[in-house]
Amino acid sequence: MISGVLMTLLVVMLLLVNTNIMENPANRLVYVTFTDIGNGVSTRIVDVYAIGPSVGTICTHFDIPDDIAGKDYFVEVGGRQNPVNANEIDQYIQISRGSIEARISLAGIGASREATGTTTGKGMNRISYNSEGKLNETAVC
């Protein structure tokens, strides 16, 4: 009887070990990595805006990790209406995969310039700025 109870507890422990010991720390690591990638993309966008010409277009290529913990992810640059001031748009960079999501504010130019685009980690990525003041991560250079 004692062996049966111990075997039942062992089976329950084995089922819980995967979630609590392996998945949760991996998800935390992925979230922190997503935050770092979002900050890097935000910095690159602001740098392109800072050196953008008054007339013309500038493009740059950059690389972000192809995968995080062996899985792909998705990067979106976009905006939403500010809940406090309806006349402003809050710009953000959202990195997501499944239920894990990190949303980072677009530093420095979020309220003054429109930035849009999507990408993944695969291959080289590009940011384009034209003199009309629009940033576009997916524009053809």
N, C-alpha and C. Protein backbone atom coordinates (compact mmCIF):
# COMPACT_ATOMS: atom_id res chain seq x y z
N MET A 1 0.83 -1.19 0.00
CA MET A 1 0.00 0.00 0.00
C MET A 1 0.88 1.26 0.00
N ILE A 2 1.93 1.24 0.79
CA ILE A 2 2.84 2.39 0.83
C ILE A 2 3.52 2.55 -0.53
N SER A 3 3.89 1.46 -1.15
CA SER A 3 4.53 1.53 -2.48
C SER A 3 3.56 2.11 -3.51
N GLY A 4 2.30 1.75 -3.45
CA GLY A 4 1.30 2.28 -4.37
C GLY A 4 1.14 3.79 -4.22
N VAL A 5 1.09 4.28 -2.98
CA VAL A 5 0.96 5.71 -2.72
C VAL A 5 2.21 6.44 -3.23
N LEU A 6 3.38 5.87 -2.97
CA LEU A 6 4.62 6.50 -3.43
C LEU A 6 4.71 6.52 -4.96
N MET A 7 4.25 5.47 -5.62
CA MET A 7 4.26 5.44 -7.07
C MET A 7 3.30 6.51 -7.64
N THR A 8 2.14 6.68 -7.01
CA THR A 8 1.20 7.71 -7.44
C THR A 8 1.82 9.09 -7.29
N LEU A 9 2.47 9.36 -6.17
CA LEU A 9 3.13 10.64 -5.97
C LEU A 9 4.26 10.86 -6.98
N LEU A 10 4.98 9.79 -7.31
CA LEU A 10 6.05 9.89 -8.30
C LEU A 10 5.50 10.25 -9.68
N VAL A 11 4.39 9.64 -10.07
CA VAL A 11 3.77 9.95 -11.36
C VAL A 11 3.30 11.40 -11.40
N VAL A 12 2.68 11.87 -10.33
CA VAL A 12 2.23 13.26 -10.26
C VAL A 12 3.43 14.21 -10.35
N MET A 13 4.50 13.89 -9.66
CA MET A 13 5.70 14.72 -9.70
C MET A 13 6.30 14.77 -11.11
N LEU A 14 6.33 13.64 -11.78
CA LEU A 14 6.88 13.61 -13.14
C LEU A 14 6.07 14.47 -14.10
N LEU A 15 4.77 14.52 -13.91
CA LEU A 15 3.92 15.35 -14.76
C LEU A 15 4.14 16.84 -14.50
N LEU A 16 4.42 17.20 -13.26
CA LEU A 16 4.60 18.60 -12.90
C LEU A 16 6.02 19.11 -13.17
N VAL A 17 6.98 18.22 -13.24
CA VAL A 17 8.37 18.63 -13.42
C VAL A 17 8.57 19.36 -14.73
N ASN A 18 8.01 18.87 -15.81
CA ASN A 18 8.21 19.50 -17.11
C ASN A 18 7.73 20.95 -17.11
N THR A 19 6.55 21.19 -16.58
CA THR A 19 6.01 22.55 -16.59
C THR A 19 6.78 23.47 -15.66
N ASN A 20 7.00 23.05 -14.44
CA ASN A 20 7.57 23.95 -13.44
C ASN A 20 9.08 24.10 -13.51
N ILE A 21 9.77 23.08 -13.92
CA ILE A 21 11.23 23.15 -13.92
C ILE A 21 11.79 23.49 -15.30
N MET A 22 11.12 23.11 -16.37
CA MET A 22 11.68 23.32 -17.69
C MET A 22 10.98 24.42 -18.49
N GLU A 23 9.67 24.43 -18.57
CA GLU A 23 8.96 25.39 -19.42
C GLU A 23 8.95 26.81 -18.85
N ASN A 24 8.68 26.98 -17.58
CA ASN A 24 8.61 28.33 -17.00
C ASN A 24 9.92 29.10 -17.12
N PRO A 25 11.07 28.52 -16.77
CA PRO A 25 12.32 29.26 -16.97
C PRO A 25 12.61 29.54 -18.45
N ALA A 26 12.28 28.62 -19.33
CA ALA A 26 12.48 28.85 -20.75
C ALA A 26 11.61 30.00 -21.24
N ASN A 27 10.37 30.07 -20.79
CA ASN A 27 9.47 31.17 -21.18
C ASN A 27 9.98 32.51 -20.65
N ARG A 28 10.53 32.53 -19.43
CA ARG A 28 11.10 33.77 -18.89
C ARG A 28 12.30 34.22 -19.72
N LEU A 29 13.14 33.27 -20.10
CA LEU A 29 14.29 33.57 -20.94
C LEU A 29 13.86 34.14 -22.29
N VAL A 30 12.84 33.55 -22.89
CA VAL A 30 12.33 34.02 -24.18
C VAL A 30 11.79 35.43 -24.05
N TYR A 31 11.06 35.73 -22.98
CA TYR A 31 10.50 37.08 -22.78
C TYR A 31 11.62 38.11 -22.65
N VAL A 32 12.65 37.80 -21.88
CA VAL A 32 13.77 38.72 -21.72
C VAL A 32 14.48 38.93 -23.06
N THR A 33 14.65 37.88 -23.82
CA THR A 33 15.27 38.00 -25.13
C THR A 33 14.41 38.83 -26.07
N PHE A 34 13.10 38.64 -26.05
CA PHE A 34 12.20 39.45 -26.86
C PHE A 34 12.33 40.93 -26.50
N THR A 35 12.43 41.23 -25.23
CA THR A 35 12.59 42.62 -24.78
C THR A 35 13.90 43.20 -25.31
N ASP A 36 14.98 42.44 -25.26
CA ASP A 36 16.26 42.90 -25.78
C ASP A 36 16.18 43.16 -27.29
N ILE A 37 15.55 42.27 -28.01
CA ILE A 37 15.41 42.45 -29.47
C ILE A 37 14.57 43.69 -29.76
N GLY A 38 13.48 43.89 -29.03
CA GLY A 38 12.64 45.07 -29.22
C GLY A 38 13.40 46.36 -28.96
N ASN A 39 14.21 46.39 -27.91
CA ASN A 39 15.01 47.58 -27.62
C ASN A 39 16.03 47.83 -28.73
N GLY A 40 16.63 46.76 -29.27
CA GLY A 40 17.59 46.91 -30.36
C GLY A 40 16.95 47.44 -31.62
N VAL A 41 15.78 46.92 -31.98
CA VAL A 41 15.07 47.39 -33.18
C VAL A 41 14.65 48.84 -32.98
N SER A 42 14.17 49.19 -31.80
CA SER A 42 13.78 50.57 -31.50
C SER A 42 14.97 51.51 -31.67
N THR A 43 16.11 51.12 -31.18
CA THR A 43 17.32 51.95 -31.31
C THR A 43 17.70 52.12 -32.77
N ARG A 44 17.61 51.06 -33.55
CA ARG A 44 17.95 51.16 -34.97
C ARG A 44 17.00 52.09 -35.71
N ILE A 45 15.72 52.01 -35.39
CA ILE A 45 14.74 52.90 -36.04
C ILE A 45 15.03 54.35 -35.70
N VAL A 46 15.31 54.64 -34.44
CA VAL A 46 15.61 56.01 -34.03
C VAL A 46 16.91 56.49 -34.68
N ASP A 47 17.91 55.62 -34.80
CA ASP A 47 19.16 56.01 -35.47
C ASP A 47 18.92 56.37 -36.92
N VAL A 48 18.12 55.59 -37.62
CA VAL A 48 17.82 55.89 -39.02
C VAL A 48 17.08 57.22 -39.12
N TYR A 49 16.15 57.46 -38.22
CA TYR A 49 15.42 58.73 -38.22
C TYR A 49 16.37 59.90 -37.96
N ALA A 50 17.33 59.70 -37.04
CA ALA A 50 18.25 60.78 -36.67
C ALA A 50 19.16 61.20 -37.82
N ILE A 51 19.54 60.25 -38.68
CA ILE A 51 20.44 60.59 -39.79
C ILE A 51 19.70 60.71 -41.11
N GLY A 52 18.38 60.64 -41.07
CA GLY A 52 17.58 60.70 -42.29
C GLY A 52 17.76 62.02 -43.02
N PRO A 53 17.82 61.99 -44.34
CA PRO A 53 18.01 63.22 -45.12
C PRO A 53 16.74 64.07 -45.16
N SER A 54 16.93 65.36 -45.40
CA SER A 54 15.76 66.23 -45.51
C SER A 54 15.02 66.01 -46.83
N VAL A 55 15.74 65.55 -47.84
CA VAL A 55 15.14 65.19 -49.12
C VAL A 55 15.77 63.88 -49.56
N GLY A 56 14.95 62.88 -49.76
CA GLY A 56 15.47 61.59 -50.21
C GLY A 56 15.09 60.46 -49.28
N THR A 57 15.75 59.33 -49.50
CA THR A 57 15.46 58.12 -48.75
C THR A 57 16.76 57.51 -48.25
N ILE A 58 16.73 56.92 -47.07
CA ILE A 58 17.87 56.19 -46.53
C ILE A 58 17.38 54.81 -46.10
N CYS A 59 18.18 53.80 -46.38
CA CYS A 59 17.85 52.43 -46.00
C CYS A 59 19.02 51.82 -45.24
N THR A 60 18.72 50.93 -44.36
CA THR A 60 19.75 50.20 -43.65
C THR A 60 19.30 48.76 -43.47
N HIS A 61 20.25 47.88 -43.40
CA HIS A 61 19.97 46.47 -43.17
C HIS A 61 20.52 46.09 -41.80
N PHE A 62 19.83 45.23 -41.11
CA PHE A 62 20.29 44.76 -39.81
C PHE A 62 19.88 43.31 -39.62
N ASP A 63 20.50 42.67 -38.68
CA ASP A 63 20.23 41.26 -38.42
C ASP A 63 19.83 41.09 -36.97
N ILE A 64 18.80 40.31 -36.74
CA ILE A 64 18.38 39.91 -35.40
C ILE A 64 18.45 38.39 -35.36
N PRO A 65 18.45 37.80 -34.18
CA PRO A 65 18.58 36.34 -34.11
C PRO A 65 17.51 35.62 -34.95
N ASP A 66 17.92 34.55 -35.63
CA ASP A 66 17.00 33.80 -36.48
C ASP A 66 15.91 33.10 -35.68
N ASP A 67 16.25 32.59 -34.52
CA ASP A 67 15.26 31.94 -33.67
C ASP A 67 15.67 32.11 -32.21
N ILE A 68 14.70 31.95 -31.35
CA ILE A 68 14.93 32.03 -29.91
C ILE A 68 14.49 30.70 -29.32
N ALA A 69 15.40 30.04 -28.63
CA ALA A 69 15.14 28.72 -28.04
C ALA A 69 14.62 27.74 -29.08
N GLY A 70 15.17 27.83 -30.30
CA GLY A 70 14.84 26.89 -31.35
C GLY A 70 13.52 27.13 -32.07
N LYS A 71 12.85 28.26 -31.81
CA LYS A 71 11.56 28.53 -32.45
C LYS A 71 11.57 29.92 -33.06
N ASP A 72 10.79 30.10 -34.15
CA ASP A 72 10.67 31.38 -34.82
C ASP A 72 9.85 32.35 -33.98
N TYR A 73 9.93 33.63 -34.34
CA TYR A 73 9.15 34.67 -33.67
C TYR A 73 8.80 35.73 -34.70
N PHE A 74 7.93 36.64 -34.30
CA PHE A 74 7.36 37.65 -35.20
C PHE A 74 7.57 39.03 -34.59
N VAL A 75 8.02 40.00 -35.40
CA VAL A 75 8.24 41.37 -34.94
C VAL A 75 7.29 42.29 -35.70
N GLU A 76 6.56 43.12 -34.97
CA GLU A 76 5.64 44.08 -35.58
C GLU A 76 5.91 45.47 -35.03
N VAL A 77 6.02 46.44 -35.93
CA VAL A 77 6.15 47.84 -35.54
C VAL A 77 4.83 48.50 -35.91
N GLY A 78 4.19 49.11 -34.94
CA GLY A 78 2.89 49.71 -35.21
C GLY A 78 2.52 50.73 -34.17
N GLY A 79 1.26 51.10 -34.17
CA GLY A 79 0.79 52.11 -33.24
C GLY A 79 -0.65 51.89 -32.83
N ARG A 80 -1.02 52.54 -31.76
CA ARG A 80 -2.40 52.52 -31.28
C ARG A 80 -2.70 53.87 -30.67
N GLN A 81 -3.96 54.19 -30.58
CA GLN A 81 -4.36 55.49 -30.04
C GLN A 81 -4.06 55.55 -28.55
N ASN A 82 -3.49 56.68 -28.13
CA ASN A 82 -3.16 56.90 -26.73
C ASN A 82 -4.45 57.02 -25.93
N PRO A 83 -4.63 56.21 -24.87
CA PRO A 83 -5.88 56.28 -24.10
C PRO A 83 -6.04 57.58 -23.32
N VAL A 84 -4.94 58.27 -23.02
CA VAL A 84 -5.02 59.52 -22.25
C VAL A 84 -5.29 60.70 -23.18
N ASN A 85 -4.58 60.76 -24.30
CA ASN A 85 -4.72 61.86 -25.25
C ASN A 85 -5.11 61.27 -26.61
N ALA A 86 -6.36 61.46 -27.00
CA ALA A 86 -6.88 60.84 -28.23
C ALA A 86 -6.20 61.37 -29.49
N ASN A 87 -5.52 62.51 -29.41
CA ASN A 87 -4.84 63.07 -30.58
C ASN A 87 -3.48 62.44 -30.83
N GLU A 88 -2.97 61.65 -29.90
CA GLU A 88 -1.64 61.05 -30.04
C GLU A 88 -1.75 59.57 -30.36
N ILE A 89 -0.73 59.08 -31.06
CA ILE A 89 -0.60 57.66 -31.37
C ILE A 89 0.62 57.14 -30.62
N ASP A 90 0.45 56.07 -29.86
CA ASP A 90 1.58 55.44 -29.18
C ASP A 90 2.20 54.41 -30.12
N GLN A 91 3.47 54.61 -30.46
CA GLN A 91 4.19 53.68 -31.32
C GLN A 91 4.82 52.60 -30.45
N TYR A 92 4.85 51.37 -30.96
CA TYR A 92 5.42 50.27 -30.20
C TYR A 92 6.06 49.25 -31.13
N ILE A 93 6.88 48.42 -30.54
CA ILE A 93 7.45 47.26 -31.22
C ILE A 93 6.99 46.05 -30.43
N GLN A 94 6.32 45.14 -31.10
CA GLN A 94 5.79 43.95 -30.44
C GLN A 94 6.50 42.72 -31.00
N ILE A 95 7.09 41.94 -30.11
CA ILE A 95 7.74 40.70 -30.48
C ILE A 95 6.92 39.59 -29.84
N SER A 96 6.51 38.60 -30.64
CA SER A 96 5.62 37.58 -30.09
C SER A 96 5.88 36.22 -30.73
N ARG A 97 5.48 35.22 -29.96
CA ARG A 97 5.46 33.83 -30.42
C ARG A 97 4.48 33.10 -29.51
N GLY A 98 3.41 32.63 -30.08
CA GLY A 98 2.42 31.93 -29.28
C GLY A 98 1.85 32.83 -28.20
N SER A 99 1.92 32.37 -26.95
CA SER A 99 1.37 33.14 -25.84
C SER A 99 2.38 34.09 -25.21
N ILE A 100 3.63 34.07 -25.67
CA ILE A 100 4.66 34.95 -25.12
C ILE A 100 4.74 36.19 -25.99
N GLU A 101 4.64 37.36 -25.36
CA GLU A 101 4.63 38.62 -26.10
C GLU A 101 5.35 39.70 -25.29
N ALA A 102 6.18 40.49 -25.97
CA ALA A 102 6.82 41.65 -25.35
C ALA A 102 6.50 42.86 -26.20
N ARG A 103 6.05 43.93 -25.56
CA ARG A 103 5.70 45.16 -26.27
C ARG A 103 6.57 46.29 -25.71
N ILE A 104 7.35 46.92 -26.60
CA ILE A 104 8.31 47.94 -26.21
C ILE A 104 7.92 49.24 -26.91
N SER A 105 7.95 50.35 -26.19
CA SER A 105 7.65 51.65 -26.79
C SER A 105 8.76 52.04 -27.75
N LEU A 106 8.38 52.69 -28.84
CA LEU A 106 9.35 53.18 -29.80
C LEU A 106 9.97 54.44 -29.22
N ALA A 107 11.20 54.34 -28.80
CA ALA A 107 11.87 55.41 -28.06
C ALA A 107 12.15 56.62 -28.93
N GLY A 108 11.90 57.80 -28.40
CA GLY A 108 12.35 59.03 -29.02
C GLY A 108 11.45 59.64 -30.07
N ILE A 109 10.86 58.84 -30.97
CA ILE A 109 10.08 59.42 -32.06
C ILE A 109 8.66 58.91 -32.08
N GLY A 110 8.27 58.15 -31.09
CA GLY A 110 6.98 57.49 -31.09
C GLY A 110 5.79 58.40 -31.31
N ALA A 111 5.81 59.60 -30.76
CA ALA A 111 4.66 60.49 -30.90
C ALA A 111 4.76 61.38 -32.13
N SER A 112 5.95 61.52 -32.72
CA SER A 112 6.12 62.48 -33.81
C SER A 112 6.16 61.86 -35.20
N ARG A 113 6.48 60.59 -35.33
CA ARG A 113 6.61 59.95 -36.64
C ARG A 113 5.85 58.65 -36.69
N GLU A 114 5.37 58.33 -37.88
CA GLU A 114 4.65 57.08 -38.08
C GLU A 114 5.65 55.99 -38.48
N ALA A 115 5.67 54.92 -37.75
CA ALA A 115 6.54 53.79 -38.08
C ALA A 115 5.66 52.54 -38.18
N THR A 116 5.81 51.80 -39.27
CA THR A 116 5.04 50.58 -39.46
C THR A 116 5.91 49.52 -40.10
N GLY A 117 5.53 48.28 -39.92
CA GLY A 117 6.22 47.20 -40.59
C GLY A 117 6.18 45.91 -39.79
N THR A 118 6.51 44.84 -40.46
CA THR A 118 6.57 43.53 -39.83
C THR A 118 7.78 42.79 -40.37
N THR A 119 8.28 41.87 -39.58
CA THR A 119 9.39 41.04 -40.01
C THR A 119 9.47 39.82 -39.09
N THR A 120 10.34 38.92 -39.44
CA THR A 120 10.68 37.79 -38.58
C THR A 120 12.18 37.81 -38.37
N GLY A 121 12.69 36.87 -37.61
CA GLY A 121 14.12 36.82 -37.37
C GLY A 121 14.91 36.28 -38.54
N LYS A 122 14.28 35.61 -39.46
CA LYS A 122 14.99 34.98 -40.57
C LYS A 122 15.59 36.00 -41.52
N GLY A 123 16.83 35.79 -41.92
CA GLY A 123 17.48 36.62 -42.93
C GLY A 123 17.79 38.02 -42.45
N MET A 124 18.16 38.85 -43.42
CA MET A 124 18.46 40.25 -43.12
C MET A 124 17.17 41.05 -43.14
N ASN A 125 17.08 42.03 -42.25
CA ASN A 125 15.92 42.90 -42.17
C ASN A 125 16.34 44.29 -42.60
N ARG A 126 15.37 45.11 -42.99
CA ARG A 126 15.74 46.44 -43.46
C ARG A 126 14.78 47.49 -42.90
N ILE A 127 15.33 48.69 -42.72
CA ILE A 127 14.56 49.86 -42.30
C ILE A 127 14.79 50.92 -43.36
N SER A 128 13.72 51.56 -43.78
CA SER A 128 13.80 52.62 -44.78
C SER A 128 13.12 53.87 -44.23
N TYR A 129 13.75 55.03 -44.49
CA TYR A 129 13.18 56.32 -44.09
C TYR A 129 13.15 57.21 -45.32
N ASN A 130 12.00 57.83 -45.58
CA ASN A 130 11.96 58.78 -46.69
C ASN A 130 11.72 60.18 -46.15
N SER A 131 11.97 61.18 -46.97
CA SER A 131 11.92 62.57 -46.52
C SER A 131 10.52 63.04 -46.15
N GLU A 132 9.51 62.26 -46.47
CA GLU A 132 8.16 62.62 -46.05
C GLU A 132 7.95 62.32 -44.57
N GLY A 133 8.94 61.71 -43.92
CA GLY A 133 8.86 61.48 -42.49
C GLY A 133 8.27 60.16 -42.11
N LYS A 134 8.22 59.21 -43.01
CA LYS A 134 7.64 57.91 -42.68
C LYS A 134 8.73 56.87 -42.59
N LEU A 135 8.71 56.15 -41.50
CA LEU A 135 9.61 55.01 -41.32
C LEU A 135 8.87 53.78 -41.75
N ASN A 136 9.54 52.89 -42.46
CA ASN A 136 8.89 51.66 -42.89
C ASN A 136 9.93 50.55 -42.90
N GLU A 137 9.72 49.58 -42.06
CA GLU A 137 10.69 48.50 -41.90
C GLU A 137 10.73 47.57 -43.10
N THR A 138 9.67 47.53 -43.89
CA THR A 138 9.61 46.58 -44.98
C THR A 138 9.73 47.23 -46.36
N ALA A 139 10.07 48.50 -46.42
CA ALA A 139 10.17 49.18 -47.72
C ALA A 139 11.32 48.61 -48.54
N VAL A 140 11.17 48.67 -49.85
CA VAL A 140 12.21 48.18 -50.77
C VAL A 140 13.26 49.27 -50.92
N CYS A 141 14.52 48.91 -50.74
CA CYS A 141 15.62 49.88 -50.85
C CYS A 141 16.37 49.66 -52.15
